[in-house]
Amino acid sequence: MALAARVIRSGEASEQLSGIALKTFFRIAGLWRLSPVEQRALLGSIPESTFYKWAKAPDTARLQRDQLDRVSHILGIYKSINILLPRHESADSWIKRPNEAALFKGHSALAYMLSGGLERIVDVRRYLDGKRGW
């Protein structure tokens, strides 16, 4: 069967993407200086034992679709912040700084994301994409 014609089943795609997605997430979380509690919440309130197992061996993880979506949006947020704020120090600290934008009401983007589910993460990504002119 030709590679282009091959359809990847969702379970197979999850296996292929999970390790890469988690490694990317953990790298961003490190740059943003997120605590394990904050990281677990952004991943969908995963159990502590699962989080530490994934942190130790991300290639063994099998993320659910919701978790892959979360990581994808976190990556999009990271990319947008770094385009808008080219200095790494400013970009990496933005997520925790109080923000006067109407969406955040004086709270940080991180606090906003942690106060809700995937929808809040998507809101932050849309906000930043709007700032970029997308």
C-alpha atoms as a PDB file:
ATOM      1  CA  MET A   1       0.000   0.000   0.000  1.00  0.00           C
ATOM      2  CA  ALA A   2       1.392   3.393  -0.953  1.00  0.00           C
ATOM      3  CA  LEU A   3       2.332   5.652   1.935  1.00  0.00           C
ATOM      4  CA  ALA A   4       0.160   8.509   0.657  1.00  0.00           C
ATOM      5  CA  ALA A   5      -2.854   6.227   0.435  1.00  0.00           C
ATOM      6  CA  ARG A   6      -2.396   4.792   3.915  1.00  0.00           C
ATOM      7  CA  VAL A   7      -4.921   5.978   6.472  1.00  0.00           C
ATOM      8  CA  ILE A   8      -3.640   6.132  10.027  1.00  0.00           C
ATOM      9  CA  ARG A   9      -6.142   4.933  12.591  1.00  0.00           C
ATOM     10  CA  SER A  10      -6.687   7.325  15.498  1.00  0.00           C
ATOM     11  CA  GLY A  11      -5.136   4.901  17.990  1.00  0.00           C
ATOM     12  CA  GLU A  12      -2.063   4.515  15.819  1.00  0.00           C
ATOM     13  CA  ALA A  13      -1.773   8.274  15.384  1.00  0.00           C
ATOM     14  CA  SER A  14      -2.015   8.723  19.138  1.00  0.00           C
ATOM     15  CA  GLU A  15       0.833   6.267  19.669  1.00  0.00           C
ATOM     16  CA  GLN A  16       3.018   8.059  17.130  1.00  0.00           C
ATOM     17  CA  LEU A  17       2.275  11.567  18.426  1.00  0.00           C
ATOM     18  CA  SER A  18       2.056  11.057  22.175  1.00  0.00           C
ATOM     19  CA  GLY A  19       5.754  10.902  22.986  1.00  0.00           C
ATOM     20  CA  ILE A  20       6.617  13.842  20.760  1.00  0.00           C
ATOM     21  CA  ALA A  21       3.689  15.857  22.094  1.00  0.00           C
ATOM     22  CA  LEU A  22       4.649  15.241  25.716  1.00  0.00           C
ATOM     23  CA  LYS A  23       8.309  16.051  25.170  1.00  0.00           C
ATOM     24  CA  THR A  24       7.235  19.320  23.562  1.00  0.00           C
ATOM     25  CA  PHE A  25       4.798  20.063  26.371  1.00  0.00           C
ATOM     26  CA  PHE A  26       7.398  19.393  29.074  1.00  0.00           C
ATOM     27  CA  ARG A  27       9.922  21.610  27.306  1.00  0.00           C
ATOM     28  CA  ILE A  28       7.425  24.501  27.128  1.00  0.00           C
ATOM     29  CA  ALA A  29       6.353  23.897  30.741  1.00  0.00           C
ATOM     30  CA  GLY A  30       9.993  24.153  31.778  1.00  0.00           C
ATOM     31  CA  LEU A  31      10.479  27.430  29.933  1.00  0.00           C
ATOM     32  CA  TRP A  32       7.291  28.798  31.498  1.00  0.00           C
ATOM     33  CA  ARG A  33       8.370  27.450  34.918  1.00  0.00           C
ATOM     34  CA  LEU A  34       5.096  25.626  35.476  1.00  0.00           C
ATOM     35  CA  SER A  35       4.667  23.549  38.590  1.00  0.00           C
ATOM     36  CA  PRO A  36       3.681  19.884  38.298  1.00  0.00           C
ATOM     37  CA  VAL A  37       0.193  20.836  39.539  1.00  0.00           C
ATOM     38  CA  GLU A  38      -0.148  23.454  36.775  1.00  0.00           C
ATOM     39  CA  GLN A  39       1.151  21.012  34.176  1.00  0.00           C
ATOM     40  CA  ARG A  40      -1.273  18.307  35.274  1.00  0.00           C
ATOM     41  CA  ALA A  41      -4.179  20.754  35.078  1.00  0.00           C
ATOM     42  CA  LEU A  42      -3.225  21.892  31.575  1.00  0.00           C
ATOM     43  CA  LEU A  43      -3.057  18.250  30.479  1.00  0.00           C
ATOM     44  CA  GLY A  44      -6.623  17.728  31.685  1.00  0.00           C
ATOM     45  CA  SER A  45      -6.213  17.120  35.413  1.00  0.00           C
ATOM     46  CA  ILE A  46      -4.397  13.847  34.977  1.00  0.00           C
ATOM     47  CA  PRO A  47      -3.581  11.781  38.075  1.00  0.00           C
ATOM     48  CA  GLU A  48      -0.282  12.546  39.772  1.00  0.00           C
ATOM     49  CA  SER A  49       1.037   9.012  39.240  1.00  0.00           C
ATOM     50  CA  THR A  50       0.296   9.187  35.510  1.00  0.00           C
ATOM     51  CA  PHE A  51       1.976  12.585  35.253  1.00  0.00           C
ATOM     52  CA  TYR A  52       5.205  11.366  36.864  1.00  0.00           C
ATOM     53  CA  LYS A  53       5.187   8.184  34.790  1.00  0.00           C
ATOM     54  CA  TRP A  54       4.867  10.284  31.613  1.00  0.00           C
ATOM     55  CA  ALA A  55       7.496  12.757  32.801  1.00  0.00           C
ATOM     56  CA  LYS A  56       9.932   9.912  33.350  1.00  0.00           C
ATOM     57  CA  ALA A  57       9.224   8.130  30.055  1.00  0.00           C
ATOM     58  CA  PRO A  58       7.168  10.284  27.651  1.00  0.00           C
ATOM     59  CA  ASP A  59       7.581   7.805  24.794  1.00  0.00           C
ATOM     60  CA  THR A  60       5.507   5.261  26.709  1.00  0.00           C
ATOM     61  CA  ALA A  61       2.493   7.582  27.021  1.00  0.00           C
ATOM     62  CA  ARG A  62      -0.677   7.173  25.001  1.00  0.00           C
ATOM     63  CA  LEU A  63      -2.506  10.478  25.089  1.00  0.00           C
ATOM     64  CA  GLN A  64      -6.221  10.789  24.532  1.00  0.00           C
ATOM     65  CA  ARG A  65      -7.488  13.054  21.739  1.00  0.00           C
ATOM     66  CA  ASP A  66      -8.374  15.762  24.310  1.00  0.00           C
ATOM     67  CA  GLN A  67      -4.831  15.703  25.662  1.00  0.00           C
ATOM     68  CA  LEU A  68      -3.306  15.906  22.190  1.00  0.00           C
ATOM     69  CA  ASP A  69      -5.580  18.883  21.464  1.00  0.00           C
ATOM     70  CA  ARG A  70      -4.454  20.565  24.682  1.00  0.00           C
ATOM     71  CA  VAL A  71      -0.775  20.121  23.825  1.00  0.00           C
ATOM     72  CA  SER A  72      -1.378  21.337  20.282  1.00  0.00           C
ATOM     73  CA  HIS A  73      -2.990  24.544  21.565  1.00  0.00           C
ATOM     74  CA  ILE A  74      -0.243  25.039  24.164  1.00  0.00           C
ATOM     75  CA  LEU A  75       2.294  24.787  21.345  1.00  0.00           C
ATOM     76  CA  GLY A  76       0.287  27.331  19.335  1.00  0.00           C
ATOM     77  CA  ILE A  77       0.224  29.660  22.340  1.00  0.00           C
ATOM     78  CA  TYR A  78       3.971  29.274  22.784  1.00  0.00           C
ATOM     79  CA  LYS A  79       4.583  30.027  19.110  1.00  0.00           C
ATOM     80  CA  SER A  80       2.356  33.118  19.126  1.00  0.00           C
ATOM     81  CA  ILE A  81       3.918  34.507  22.293  1.00  0.00           C
ATOM     82  CA  ASN A  82       7.390  34.095  20.821  1.00  0.00           C
ATOM     83  CA  ILE A  83       6.389  35.855  17.616  1.00  0.00           C
ATOM     84  CA  LEU A  84       4.784  38.734  19.523  1.00  0.00           C
ATOM     85  CA  LEU A  85       7.577  38.974  22.108  1.00  0.00           C
ATOM     86  CA  PRO A  86      10.877  38.081  20.430  1.00  0.00           C
ATOM     87  CA  ARG A  87      12.937  38.399  23.652  1.00  0.00           C
ATOM     88  CA  HIS A  88      12.875  34.966  25.258  1.00  0.00           C
ATOM     89  CA  GLU A  89      12.743  36.340  28.802  1.00  0.00           C
ATOM     90  CA  SER A  90       9.647  38.408  27.991  1.00  0.00           C
ATOM     91  CA  ALA A  91       7.997  35.617  26.030  1.00  0.00           C
ATOM     92  CA  ASP A  92       8.564  32.959  28.680  1.00  0.00           C
ATOM     93  CA  SER A  93       7.301  35.133  31.542  1.00  0.00           C
ATOM     94  CA  TRP A  94       4.211  36.487  29.696  1.00  0.00           C
ATOM     95  CA  ILE A  95       2.064  33.496  30.579  1.00  0.00           C
ATOM     96  CA  LYS A  96       2.275  34.303  34.326  1.00  0.00           C
ATOM     97  CA  ARG A  97       2.118  38.102  34.198  1.00  0.00           C
ATOM     98  CA  PRO A  98      -1.123  39.918  35.077  1.00  0.00           C
ATOM     99  CA  ASN A  99      -2.894  40.991  31.917  1.00  0.00           C
ATOM    100  CA  GLU A 100      -5.353  43.866  31.544  1.00  0.00           C
ATOM    101  CA  ALA A 101      -6.948  42.491  28.363  1.00  0.00           C
ATOM    102  CA  ALA A 102     -10.710  42.032  28.727  1.00  0.00           C
ATOM    103  CA  LEU A 103     -10.355  38.253  28.445  1.00  0.00           C
ATOM    104  CA  PHE A 104      -8.055  38.020  31.470  1.00  0.00           C
ATOM    105  CA  LYS A 105      -9.543  40.751  33.700  1.00  0.00           C
ATOM    106  CA  GLY A 106      -6.220  41.510  35.358  1.00  0.00           C
ATOM    107  CA  HIS A 107      -5.257  37.872  35.856  1.00  0.00           C
ATOM    108  CA  SER A 108      -2.526  36.022  34.002  1.00  0.00           C
ATOM    109  CA  ALA A 109      -3.188  33.910  30.930  1.00  0.00           C
ATOM    110  CA  LEU A 110      -2.089  30.895  32.975  1.00  0.00           C
ATOM    111  CA  ALA A 111      -4.624  31.634  35.722  1.00  0.00           C
ATOM    112  CA  TYR A 112      -7.303  32.015  33.066  1.00  0.00           C
ATOM    113  CA  MET A 113      -6.415  28.667  31.469  1.00  0.00           C
ATOM    114  CA  LEU A 114      -6.258  26.897  34.826  1.00  0.00           C
ATOM    115  CA  SER A 115      -9.729  28.164  35.759  1.00  0.00           C
ATOM    116  CA  GLY A 116     -11.421  26.176  33.011  1.00  0.00           C
ATOM    117  CA  GLY A 117     -11.073  23.343  30.572  1.00  0.00           C
ATOM    118  CA  LEU A 118      -9.823  23.059  27.031  1.00  0.00           C
ATOM    119  CA  GLU A 119     -12.070  25.961  26.007  1.00  0.00           C
ATOM    120  CA  ARG A 120      -9.986  28.367  28.099  1.00  0.00           C
ATOM    121  CA  ILE A 121      -6.770  27.167  26.467  1.00  0.00           C
ATOM    122  CA  VAL A 122      -8.379  27.663  23.053  1.00  0.00           C
ATOM    123  CA  ASP A 123      -9.512  31.171  24.120  1.00  0.00           C
ATOM    124  CA  VAL A 124      -5.926  32.157  24.932  1.00  0.00           C
ATOM    125  CA  ARG A 125      -4.708  30.797  21.613  1.00  0.00           C
ATOM    126  CA  ARG A 126      -7.409  32.734  19.730  1.00  0.00           C
ATOM    127  CA  TYR A 127      -6.548  35.886  21.659  1.00  0.00           C
ATOM    128  CA  LEU A 128      -2.881  35.606  20.718  1.00  0.00           C
ATOM    129  CA  ASP A 129      -3.649  34.683  17.124  1.00  0.00           C
ATOM    130  CA  GLY A 130      -5.814  37.815  16.969  1.00  0.00           C
ATOM    131  CA  LYS A 131      -2.943  39.897  18.292  1.00  0.00           C
ATOM    132  CA  ARG A 132      -0.773  38.434  15.538  1.00  0.00           C
ATOM    133  CA  GLY A 133      -3.383  39.374  12.941  1.00  0.00           C
ATOM    134  CA  TRP A 134      -4.492  35.850  12.121  1.00  0.00           C
END
